[in-house]
Amino acid sequence: MSVDVDIYMNNIVKFFKENPKDLFNLIPKDKEEEFYVKIREVAFDNIENGKEVSLTQKQLIDVCRELNQKPIETKELFAPFFKTKFGLVCLN
């Protein structure tokens, strides 16, 4: 079971090491290791659910989307004023 995931991960890592532009078109450079960890987690979930080890296109997109999301700063979310291209705007 884990041998299949290891083989799959070795192929993924090898592909992206040979094609770094393809990787960095998907995710930021500083999240490369996190990308591989997430792929491994999804691959293990696939095996546990009786599916093929390889990720589907949707699963790969979901991993990339998760890694590319920027966290929302709560102080900006609840402030009465926030910056826009037109200047400060009040929600009152």
PDB file of N, CA and C in Angstrom:
ATOM      1  N   MET A   1       0.818  -1.182   0.000  1.00  0.00           N
ATOM      2  CA  MET A   1       0.000   0.000   0.000  1.00  0.00           C
ATOM      3  C   MET A   1       0.868   1.253   0.000  1.00  0.00           C
ATOM      4  N   SER A   2       1.706   1.401   1.000  1.00  0.00           N
ATOM      5  CA  SER A   2       2.559   2.584   1.063  1.00  0.00           C
ATOM      6  C   SER A   2       3.644   2.547  -0.015  1.00  0.00           C
ATOM      7  N   VAL A   3       3.944   1.345  -0.525  1.00  0.00           N
ATOM      8  CA  VAL A   3       4.922   1.234  -1.603  1.00  0.00           C
ATOM      9  C   VAL A   3       4.387   1.921  -2.856  1.00  0.00           C
ATOM     10  N   ASP A   4       3.094   1.750  -3.125  1.00  0.00           N
ATOM     11  CA  ASP A   4       2.481   2.411  -4.277  1.00  0.00           C
ATOM     12  C   ASP A   4       2.548   3.923  -4.146  1.00  0.00           C
ATOM     13  N   VAL A   5       2.289   4.430  -2.944  1.00  0.00           N
ATOM     14  CA  VAL A   5       2.355   5.872  -2.706  1.00  0.00           C
ATOM     15  C   VAL A   5       3.792   6.361  -2.858  1.00  0.00           C
ATOM     16  N   ASP A   6       4.752   5.605  -2.350  1.00  0.00           N
ATOM     17  CA  ASP A   6       6.158   5.991  -2.473  1.00  0.00           C
ATOM     18  C   ASP A   6       6.592   6.050  -3.935  1.00  0.00           C
ATOM     19  N   ILE A   7       6.182   5.073  -4.716  1.00  0.00           N
ATOM     20  CA  ILE A   7       6.530   5.070  -6.145  1.00  0.00           C
ATOM     21  C   ILE A   7       5.889   6.266  -6.840  1.00  0.00           C
ATOM     22  N   TYR A   8       4.611   6.504  -6.528  1.00  0.00           N
ATOM     23  CA  TYR A   8       3.898   7.644  -7.121  1.00  0.00           C
ATOM     24  C   TYR A   8       4.580   8.957  -6.752  1.00  0.00           C
ATOM     25  N   MET A   9       4.938   9.113  -5.480  1.00  0.00           N
ATOM     26  CA  MET A   9       5.588  10.348  -5.030  1.00  0.00           C
ATOM     27  C   MET A   9       6.956  10.525  -5.675  1.00  0.00           C
ATOM     28  N   ASN A  10       7.725   9.445  -5.815  1.00  0.00           N
ATOM     29  CA  ASN A  10       9.025   9.537  -6.477  1.00  0.00           C
ATOM     30  C   ASN A  10       8.874  10.024  -7.911  1.00  0.00           C
ATOM     31  N   ASN A  11       7.847   9.544  -8.601  1.00  0.00           N
ATOM     32  CA  ASN A  11       7.601   9.986  -9.970  1.00  0.00           C
ATOM     33  C   ASN A  11       7.184  11.457 -10.028  1.00  0.00           C
ATOM     34  N   ILE A  12       6.348  11.875  -9.086  1.00  0.00           N
ATOM     35  CA  ILE A  12       5.910  13.278  -9.031  1.00  0.00           C
ATOM     36  C   ILE A  12       7.105  14.187  -8.769  1.00  0.00           C
ATOM     37  N   VAL A  13       7.892  13.863  -7.757  1.00  0.00           N
ATOM     38  CA  VAL A  13       9.054  14.686  -7.398  1.00  0.00           C
ATOM     39  C   VAL A  13      10.042  14.730  -8.559  1.00  0.00           C
ATOM     40  N   LYS A  14      10.302  13.583  -9.173  1.00  0.00           N
ATOM     41  CA  LYS A  14      11.231  13.536 -10.307  1.00  0.00           C
ATOM     42  C   LYS A  14      10.744  14.428 -11.444  1.00  0.00           C
ATOM     43  N   PHE A  15       9.447  14.350 -11.752  1.00  0.00           N
ATOM     44  CA  PHE A  15       8.903  15.177 -12.830  1.00  0.00           C
ATOM     45  C   PHE A  15       9.093  16.655 -12.547  1.00  0.00           C
ATOM     46  N   PHE A  16       8.764  17.090 -11.335  1.00  0.00           N
ATOM     47  CA  PHE A  16       8.860  18.512 -11.016  1.00  0.00           C
ATOM     48  C   PHE A  16      10.302  18.978 -10.821  1.00  0.00           C
ATOM     49  N   LYS A  17      11.208  18.088 -10.448  1.00  0.00           N
ATOM     50  CA  LYS A  17      12.635  18.460 -10.390  1.00  0.00           C
ATOM     51  C   LYS A  17      13.177  18.691 -11.801  1.00  0.00           C
ATOM     52  N   GLU A  18      12.687  17.899 -12.749  1.00  0.00           N
ATOM     53  CA  GLU A  18      13.116  18.066 -14.137  1.00  0.00           C
ATOM     54  C   GLU A  18      12.388  19.215 -14.831  1.00  0.00           C
ATOM     55  N   ASN A  19      11.225  19.614 -14.305  1.00  0.00           N
ATOM     56  CA  ASN A  19      10.400  20.670 -14.905  1.00  0.00           C
ATOM     57  C   ASN A  19       9.964  21.679 -13.835  1.00  0.00           C
ATOM     58  N   PRO A  20      10.912  22.420 -13.255  1.00  0.00           N
ATOM     59  CA  PRO A  20      10.552  23.316 -12.154  1.00  0.00           C
ATOM     60  C   PRO A  20       9.579  24.427 -12.561  1.00  0.00           C
ATOM     61  N   LYS A  21       9.624  24.848 -13.824  1.00  0.00           N
ATOM     62  CA  LYS A  21       8.687  25.892 -14.260  1.00  0.00           C
ATOM     63  C   LYS A  21       7.246  25.410 -14.140  1.00  0.00           C
ATOM     64  N   ASP A  22       7.021  24.147 -14.450  1.00  0.00           N
ATOM     65  CA  ASP A  22       5.671  23.593 -14.333  1.00  0.00           C
ATOM     66  C   ASP A  22       5.187  23.611 -12.883  1.00  0.00           C
ATOM     67  N   LEU A  23       6.087  23.313 -11.962  1.00  0.00           N
ATOM     68  CA  LEU A  23       5.730  23.327 -10.542  1.00  0.00           C
ATOM     69  C   LEU A  23       5.402  24.742 -10.086  1.00  0.00           C
ATOM     70  N   PHE A  24       6.256  25.697 -10.455  1.00  0.00           N
ATOM     71  CA  PHE A  24       6.081  27.058  -9.960  1.00  0.00           C
ATOM     72  C   PHE A  24       4.982  27.813 -10.704  1.00  0.00           C
ATOM     73  N   ASN A  25       4.434  27.212 -11.763  1.00  0.00           N
ATOM     74  CA  ASN A  25       3.214  27.738 -12.355  1.00  0.00           C
ATOM     75  C   ASN A  25       1.997  27.336 -11.526  1.00  0.00           C
ATOM     76  N   LEU A  26       2.151  26.279 -10.736  1.00  0.00           N
ATOM     77  CA  LEU A  26       1.048  25.778  -9.914  1.00  0.00           C
ATOM     78  C   LEU A  26       1.037  26.372  -8.513  1.00  0.00           C
ATOM     79  N   ILE A  27       2.214  26.487  -7.912  1.00  0.00           N
ATOM     80  CA  ILE A  27       2.308  26.917  -6.506  1.00  0.00           C
ATOM     81  C   ILE A  27       3.482  27.866  -6.332  1.00  0.00           C
ATOM     82  N   PRO A  28       3.508  28.640  -5.223  1.00  0.00           N
ATOM     83  CA  PRO A  28       4.675  29.465  -4.928  1.00  0.00           C
ATOM     84  C   PRO A  28       5.897  28.602  -4.606  1.00  0.00           C
ATOM     85  N   LYS A  29       7.065  29.136  -4.884  1.00  0.00           N
ATOM     86  CA  LYS A  29       8.309  28.379  -4.702  1.00  0.00           C
ATOM     87  C   LYS A  29       8.520  27.942  -3.253  1.00  0.00           C
ATOM     88  N   ASP A  30       8.117  28.779  -2.308  1.00  0.00           N
ATOM     89  CA  ASP A  30       8.350  28.472  -0.899  1.00  0.00           C
ATOM     90  C   ASP A  30       7.409  27.395  -0.341  1.00  0.00           C
ATOM     91  N   LYS A  31       6.448  26.941  -1.139  1.00  0.00           N
ATOM     92  CA  LYS A  31       5.511  25.931  -0.665  1.00  0.00           C
ATOM     93  C   LYS A  31       5.716  24.577  -1.339  1.00  0.00           C
ATOM     94  N   GLU A  32       6.886  24.357  -1.902  1.00  0.00           N
ATOM     95  CA  GLU A  32       7.163  23.107  -2.617  1.00  0.00           C
ATOM     96  C   GLU A  32       7.030  21.887  -1.715  1.00  0.00           C
ATOM     97  N   GLU A  33       7.651  21.923  -0.548  1.00  0.00           N
ATOM     98  CA  GLU A  33       7.593  20.767   0.359  1.00  0.00           C
ATOM     99  C   GLU A  33       6.171  20.519   0.852  1.00  0.00           C
ATOM    100  N   GLU A  34       5.462  21.592   1.152  1.00  0.00           N
ATOM    101  CA  GLU A  34       4.074  21.460   1.598  1.00  0.00           C
ATOM    102  C   GLU A  34       3.212  20.840   0.490  1.00  0.00           C
ATOM    103  N   PHE A  35       3.516  21.183  -0.759  1.00  0.00           N
ATOM    104  CA  PHE A  35       2.823  20.627  -1.917  1.00  0.00           C
ATOM    105  C   PHE A  35       2.980  19.109  -1.946  1.00  0.00           C
ATOM    106  N   TYR A  36       4.211  18.641  -1.771  1.00  0.00           N
ATOM    107  CA  TYR A  36       4.462  17.196  -1.787  1.00  0.00           C
ATOM    108  C   TYR A  36       3.790  16.492  -0.608  1.00  0.00           C
ATOM    109  N   VAL A  37       3.770  17.132   0.543  1.00  0.00           N
ATOM    110  CA  VAL A  37       3.110  16.548   1.720  1.00  0.00           C
ATOM    111  C   VAL A  37       1.613  16.391   1.467  1.00  0.00           C
ATOM    112  N   LYS A  38       0.995  17.430   0.901  1.00  0.00           N
ATOM    113  CA  LYS A  38      -0.447  17.384   0.620  1.00  0.00           C
ATOM    114  C   LYS A  38      -0.765  16.299  -0.412  1.00  0.00           C
ATOM    115  N   ILE A  39       0.064  16.187  -1.443  1.00  0.00           N
ATOM    116  CA  ILE A  39      -0.156  15.161  -2.457  1.00  0.00           C
ATOM    117  C   ILE A  39      -0.068  13.774  -1.833  1.00  0.00           C
ATOM    118  N   ARG A  40       0.919  13.584  -0.967  1.00  0.00           N
ATOM    119  CA  ARG A  40       1.072  12.285  -0.291  1.00  0.00           C
ATOM    120  C   ARG A  40      -0.173  11.972   0.545  1.00  0.00           C
ATOM    121  N   GLU A  41      -0.706  12.961   1.267  1.00  0.00           N
ATOM    122  CA  GLU A  41      -1.897  12.755   2.091  1.00  0.00           C
ATOM    123  C   GLU A  41      -3.092  12.325   1.235  1.00  0.00           C
ATOM    124  N   VAL A  42      -3.293  13.014   0.113  1.00  0.00           N
ATOM    125  CA  VAL A  42      -4.422  12.685  -0.762  1.00  0.00           C
ATOM    126  C   VAL A  42      -4.222  11.301  -1.380  1.00  0.00           C
ATOM    127  N   ALA A  43      -2.994  10.972  -1.743  1.00  0.00           N
ATOM    128  CA  ALA A  43      -2.707   9.654  -2.318  1.00  0.00           C
ATOM    129  C   ALA A  43      -3.024   8.550  -1.301  1.00  0.00           C
ATOM    130  N   PHE A  44      -2.651   8.754  -0.029  1.00  0.00           N
ATOM    131  CA  PHE A  44      -2.979   7.772   1.010  1.00  0.00           C
ATOM    132  C   PHE A  44      -4.495   7.660   1.196  1.00  0.00           C
ATOM    133  N   ASP A  45      -5.185   8.801   1.153  1.00  0.00           N
ATOM    134  CA  ASP A  45      -6.652   8.766   1.261  1.00  0.00           C
ATOM    135  C   ASP A  45      -7.259   7.969   0.109  1.00  0.00           C
ATOM    136  N   ASN A  46      -6.722   8.160  -1.086  1.00  0.00           N
ATOM    137  CA  ASN A  46      -7.217   7.415  -2.247  1.00  0.00           C
ATOM    138  C   ASN A  46      -7.070   5.910  -2.037  1.00  0.00           C
ATOM    139  N   ILE A  47      -5.905   5.496  -1.559  1.00  0.00           N
ATOM    140  CA  ILE A  47      -5.651   4.072  -1.314  1.00  0.00           C
ATOM    141  C   ILE A  47      -6.619   3.531  -0.259  1.00  0.00           C
ATOM    142  N   GLU A  48      -6.803   4.290   0.830  1.00  0.00           N
ATOM    143  CA  GLU A  48      -7.682   3.844   1.915  1.00  0.00           C
ATOM    144  C   GLU A  48      -9.132   3.705   1.454  1.00  0.00           C
ATOM    145  N   ASN A  49      -9.516   4.515   0.462  1.00  0.00           N
ATOM    146  CA  ASN A  49     -10.896   4.473  -0.039  1.00  0.00           C
ATOM    147  C   ASN A  49     -11.057   3.547  -1.240  1.00  0.00           C
ATOM    148  N   GLY A  50     -10.021   2.764  -1.535  1.00  0.00           N
ATOM    149  CA  GLY A  50     -10.111   1.792  -2.601  1.00  0.00           C
ATOM    150  C   GLY A  50      -9.982   2.363  -4.004  1.00  0.00           C
ATOM    151  N   LYS A  51      -9.431   3.562  -4.109  1.00  0.00           N
ATOM    152  CA  LYS A  51      -9.247   4.201  -5.407  1.00  0.00           C
ATOM    153  C   LYS A  51      -7.804   4.035  -5.855  1.00  0.00           C
ATOM    154  N   GLU A  52      -7.515   4.518  -7.065  1.00  0.00           N
ATOM    155  CA  GLU A  52      -6.132   4.504  -7.536  1.00  0.00           C
ATOM    156  C   GLU A  52      -5.310   5.507  -6.750  1.00  0.00           C
ATOM    157  N   VAL A  53      -4.021   5.231  -6.630  1.00  0.00           N
ATOM    158  CA  VAL A  53      -3.142   6.084  -5.844  1.00  0.00           C
ATOM    159  C   VAL A  53      -2.981   7.468  -6.465  1.00  0.00           C
ATOM    160  N   SER A  54      -2.980   7.552  -7.774  1.00  0.00           N
ATOM    161  CA  SER A  54      -2.735   8.836  -8.442  1.00  0.00           C
ATOM    162  C   SER A  54      -3.900   9.795  -8.225  1.00  0.00           C
ATOM    163  N   LEU A  55      -3.574  11.077  -8.081  1.00  0.00           N
ATOM    164  CA  LEU A  55      -4.573  12.102  -7.858  1.00  0.00           C
ATOM    165  C   LEU A  55      -5.338  12.385  -9.145  1.00  0.00           C
ATOM    166  N   THR A  56      -6.610  12.690  -8.987  1.00  0.00           N
ATOM    167  CA  THR A  56      -7.399  13.123 -10.130  1.00  0.00           C
ATOM    168  C   THR A  56      -7.057  14.589 -10.408  1.00  0.00           C
ATOM    169  N   GLN A  57      -7.487  15.071 -11.552  1.00  0.00           N
ATOM    170  CA  GLN A  57      -7.242  16.467 -11.895  1.00  0.00           C
ATOM    171  C   GLN A  57      -7.874  17.383 -10.852  1.00  0.00           C
ATOM    172  N   LYS A  58      -9.087  17.060 -10.415  1.00  0.00           N
ATOM    173  CA  LYS A  58      -9.772  17.876  -9.406  1.00  0.00           C
ATOM    174  C   LYS A  58      -9.007  17.879  -8.091  1.00  0.00           C
ATOM    175  N   GLN A  59      -8.495  16.718  -7.683  1.00  0.00           N
ATOM    176  CA  GLN A  59      -7.743  16.653  -6.429  1.00  0.00           C
ATOM    177  C   GLN A  59      -6.478  17.500  -6.507  1.00  0.00           C
ATOM    178  N   LEU A  60      -5.790  17.453  -7.636  1.00  0.00           N
ATOM    179  CA  LEU A  60      -4.574  18.250  -7.814  1.00  0.00           C
ATOM    180  C   LEU A  60      -4.906  19.737  -7.800  1.00  0.00           C
ATOM    181  N   ILE A  61      -5.990  20.116  -8.439  1.00  0.00           N
ATOM    182  CA  ILE A  61      -6.414  21.524  -8.433  1.00  0.00           C
ATOM    183  C   ILE A  61      -6.764  21.964  -7.026  1.00  0.00           C
ATOM    184  N   ASP A  62      -7.437  21.107  -6.260  1.00  0.00           N
ATOM    185  CA  ASP A  62      -7.793  21.443  -4.877  1.00  0.00           C
ATOM    186  C   ASP A  62      -6.550  21.669  -4.017  1.00  0.00           C
ATOM    187  N   VAL A  63      -5.524  20.839  -4.202  1.00  0.00           N
ATOM    188  CA  VAL A  63      -4.266  21.013  -3.459  1.00  0.00           C
ATOM    189  C   VAL A  63      -3.632  22.350  -3.825  1.00  0.00           C
ATOM    190  N   CYS A  64      -3.577  22.646  -5.102  1.00  0.00           N
ATOM    191  CA  CYS A  64      -2.974  23.915  -5.555  1.00  0.00           C
ATOM    192  C   CYS A  64      -3.774  25.110  -5.050  1.00  0.00           C
ATOM    193  N   ARG A  65      -5.092  25.005  -5.094  1.00  0.00           N
ATOM    194  CA  ARG A  65      -5.940  26.097  -4.619  1.00  0.00           C
ATOM    195  C   ARG A  65      -5.698  26.345  -3.128  1.00  0.00           C
ATOM    196  N   GLU A  66      -5.609  25.275  -2.370  1.00  0.00           N
ATOM    197  CA  GLU A  66      -5.371  25.398  -0.928  1.00  0.00           C
ATOM    198  C   GLU A  66      -4.040  26.095  -0.639  1.00  0.00           C
ATOM    199  N   LEU A  67      -3.008  25.751  -1.403  1.00  0.00           N
ATOM    200  CA  LEU A  67      -1.687  26.329  -1.168  1.00  0.00           C
ATOM    201  C   LEU A  67      -1.580  27.769  -1.674  1.00  0.00           C
ATOM    202  N   ASN A  68      -2.415  28.152  -2.615  1.00  0.00           N
ATOM    203  CA  ASN A  68      -2.343  29.493  -3.175  1.00  0.00           C
ATOM    204  C   ASN A  68      -3.244  30.500  -2.481  1.00  0.00           C
ATOM    205  N   GLN A  69      -4.111  30.037  -1.600  1.00  0.00           N
ATOM    206  CA  GLN A  69      -4.999  30.961  -0.897  1.00  0.00           C
ATOM    207  C   GLN A  69      -4.203  31.798   0.090  1.00  0.00           C
ATOM    208  N   LYS A  70      -4.526  33.086   0.104  1.00  0.00           N
ATOM    209  CA  LYS A  70      -3.888  33.988   1.062  1.00  0.00           C
ATOM    210  C   LYS A  70      -4.784  34.092   2.291  1.00  0.00           C
ATOM    211  N   PRO A  71      -4.185  34.038   3.472  1.00  0.00           N
ATOM    212  CA  PRO A  71      -5.014  34.149   4.679  1.00  0.00           C
ATOM    213  C   PRO A  71      -5.629  35.545   4.789  1.00  0.00           C
ATOM    214  N   ILE A  72      -6.849  35.603   5.289  1.00  0.00           N
ATOM    215  CA  ILE A  72      -7.523  36.883   5.483  1.00  0.00           C
ATOM    216  C   ILE A  72      -7.095  37.445   6.829  1.00  0.00           C
ATOM    217  N   GLU A  73      -6.686  38.710   6.808  1.00  0.00           N
ATOM    218  CA  GLU A  73      -6.308  39.355   8.063  1.00  0.00           C
ATOM    219  C   GLU A  73      -7.578  39.832   8.741  1.00  0.00           C
ATOM    220  N   THR A  74      -7.823  39.330   9.939  1.00  0.00           N
ATOM    221  CA  THR A  74      -9.081  39.630  10.619  1.00  0.00           C
ATOM    222  C   THR A  74      -9.186  41.090  11.016  1.00  0.00           C
ATOM    223  N   LYS A  75      -8.076  41.757  11.263  1.00  0.00           N
ATOM    224  CA  LYS A  75      -8.177  43.170  11.653  1.00  0.00           C
ATOM    225  C   LYS A  75      -8.740  43.988  10.489  1.00  0.00           C
ATOM    226  N   GLU A  76      -8.422  43.608   9.258  1.00  0.00           N
ATOM    227  CA  GLU A  76      -8.973  44.304   8.102  1.00  0.00           C
ATOM    228  C   GLU A  76     -10.432  43.920   7.892  1.00  0.00           C
ATOM    229  N   LEU A  77     -10.789  42.708   8.246  1.00  0.00           N
ATOM    230  CA  LEU A  77     -12.133  42.227   8.017  1.00  0.00           C
ATOM    231  C   LEU A  77     -13.151  42.918   8.912  1.00  0.00           C
ATOM    232  N   PHE A  78     -12.769  43.256  10.127  1.00  0.00           N
ATOM    233  CA  PHE A  78     -13.707  43.829  11.083  1.00  0.00           C
ATOM    234  C   PHE A  78     -13.504  45.320  11.332  1.00  0.00           C
ATOM    235  N   ALA A  79     -12.571  45.935  10.643  1.00  0.00           N
ATOM    236  CA  ALA A  79     -12.327  47.366  10.829  1.00  0.00           C
ATOM    237  C   ALA A  79     -13.450  48.159  10.162  1.00  0.00           C
ATOM    238  N   PRO A  80     -13.874  49.294  10.754  1.00  0.00           N
ATOM    239  CA  PRO A  80     -14.929  50.085  10.124  1.00  0.00           C
ATOM    240  C   PRO A  80     -14.445  50.763   8.831  1.00  0.00           C
ATOM    241  N   PHE A  81     -13.151  51.001   8.730  1.00  0.00           N
ATOM    242  CA  PHE A  81     -12.589  51.596   7.524  1.00  0.00           C
ATOM    243  C   PHE A  81     -11.670  50.591   6.853  1.00  0.00           C
ATOM    244  N   PHE A  82     -11.698  50.533   5.537  1.00  0.00           N
ATOM    245  CA  PHE A  82     -10.755  49.704   4.813  1.00  0.00           C
ATOM    246  C   PHE A  82     -10.317  50.429   3.552  1.00  0.00           C
ATOM    247  N   LYS A  83      -9.117  50.087   3.096  1.00  0.00           N
ATOM    248  CA  LYS A  83      -8.527  50.758   1.954  1.00  0.00           C
ATOM    249  C   LYS A  83      -9.068  50.183   0.652  1.00  0.00           C
ATOM    250  N   THR A  84      -9.361  51.074  -0.270  1.00  0.00           N
ATOM    251  CA  THR A  84      -9.722  50.687  -1.630  1.00  0.00           C
ATOM    252  C   THR A  84      -8.911  51.553  -2.580  1.00  0.00           C
ATOM    253  N   LYS A  85      -9.053  51.325  -3.883  1.00  0.00           N
ATOM    254  CA  LYS A  85      -8.338  52.167  -4.829  1.00  0.00           C
ATOM    255  C   LYS A  85      -8.893  53.595  -4.827  1.00  0.00           C
ATOM    256  N   PHE A  86     -10.055  53.791  -4.219  1.00  0.00           N
ATOM    257  CA  PHE A  86     -10.659  55.117  -4.127  1.00  0.00           C
ATOM    258  C   PHE A  86     -10.336  55.815  -2.803  1.00  0.00           C
ATOM    259  N   GLY A  87      -9.612  55.164  -1.926  1.00  0.00           N
ATOM    260  CA  GLY A  87      -9.277  55.702  -0.621  1.00  0.00           C
ATOM    261  C   GLY A  87      -9.946  54.890   0.468  1.00  0.00           C
ATOM    262  N   LEU A  88     -10.036  55.467   1.684  1.00  0.00           N
ATOM    263  CA  LEU A  88     -10.664  54.766   2.799  1.00  0.00           C
ATOM    264  C   LEU A  88     -12.184  54.772   2.638  1.00  0.00           C
ATOM    265  N   VAL A  89     -12.799  53.646   2.944  1.00  0.00           N
ATOM    266  CA  VAL A  89     -14.250  53.515   2.878  1.00  0.00           C
ATOM    267  C   VAL A  89     -14.725  53.022   4.232  1.00  0.00           C
ATOM    268  N   CYS A  90     -15.836  53.616   4.700  1.00  0.00           N
ATOM    269  CA  CYS A  90     -16.416  53.222   5.988  1.00  0.00           C
ATOM    270  C   CYS A  90     -17.624  52.333   5.735  1.00  0.00           C
ATOM    271  N   LEU A  91     -17.749  51.282   6.511  1.00  0.00           N
ATOM    272  CA  LEU A  91     -18.873  50.362   6.374  1.00  0.00           C
ATOM    273  C   LEU A  91     -20.093  50.815   7.192  1.00  0.00           C
ATOM    274  N   ASN A  92     -19.986  51.941   7.846  1.00  0.00           N
ATOM    275  CA  ASN A  92     -21.061  52.427   8.682  1.00  0.00           C
ATOM    276  C   ASN A  92     -22.182  53.033   7.870  1.00  0.00           C
TER     277      ASN A  92
END
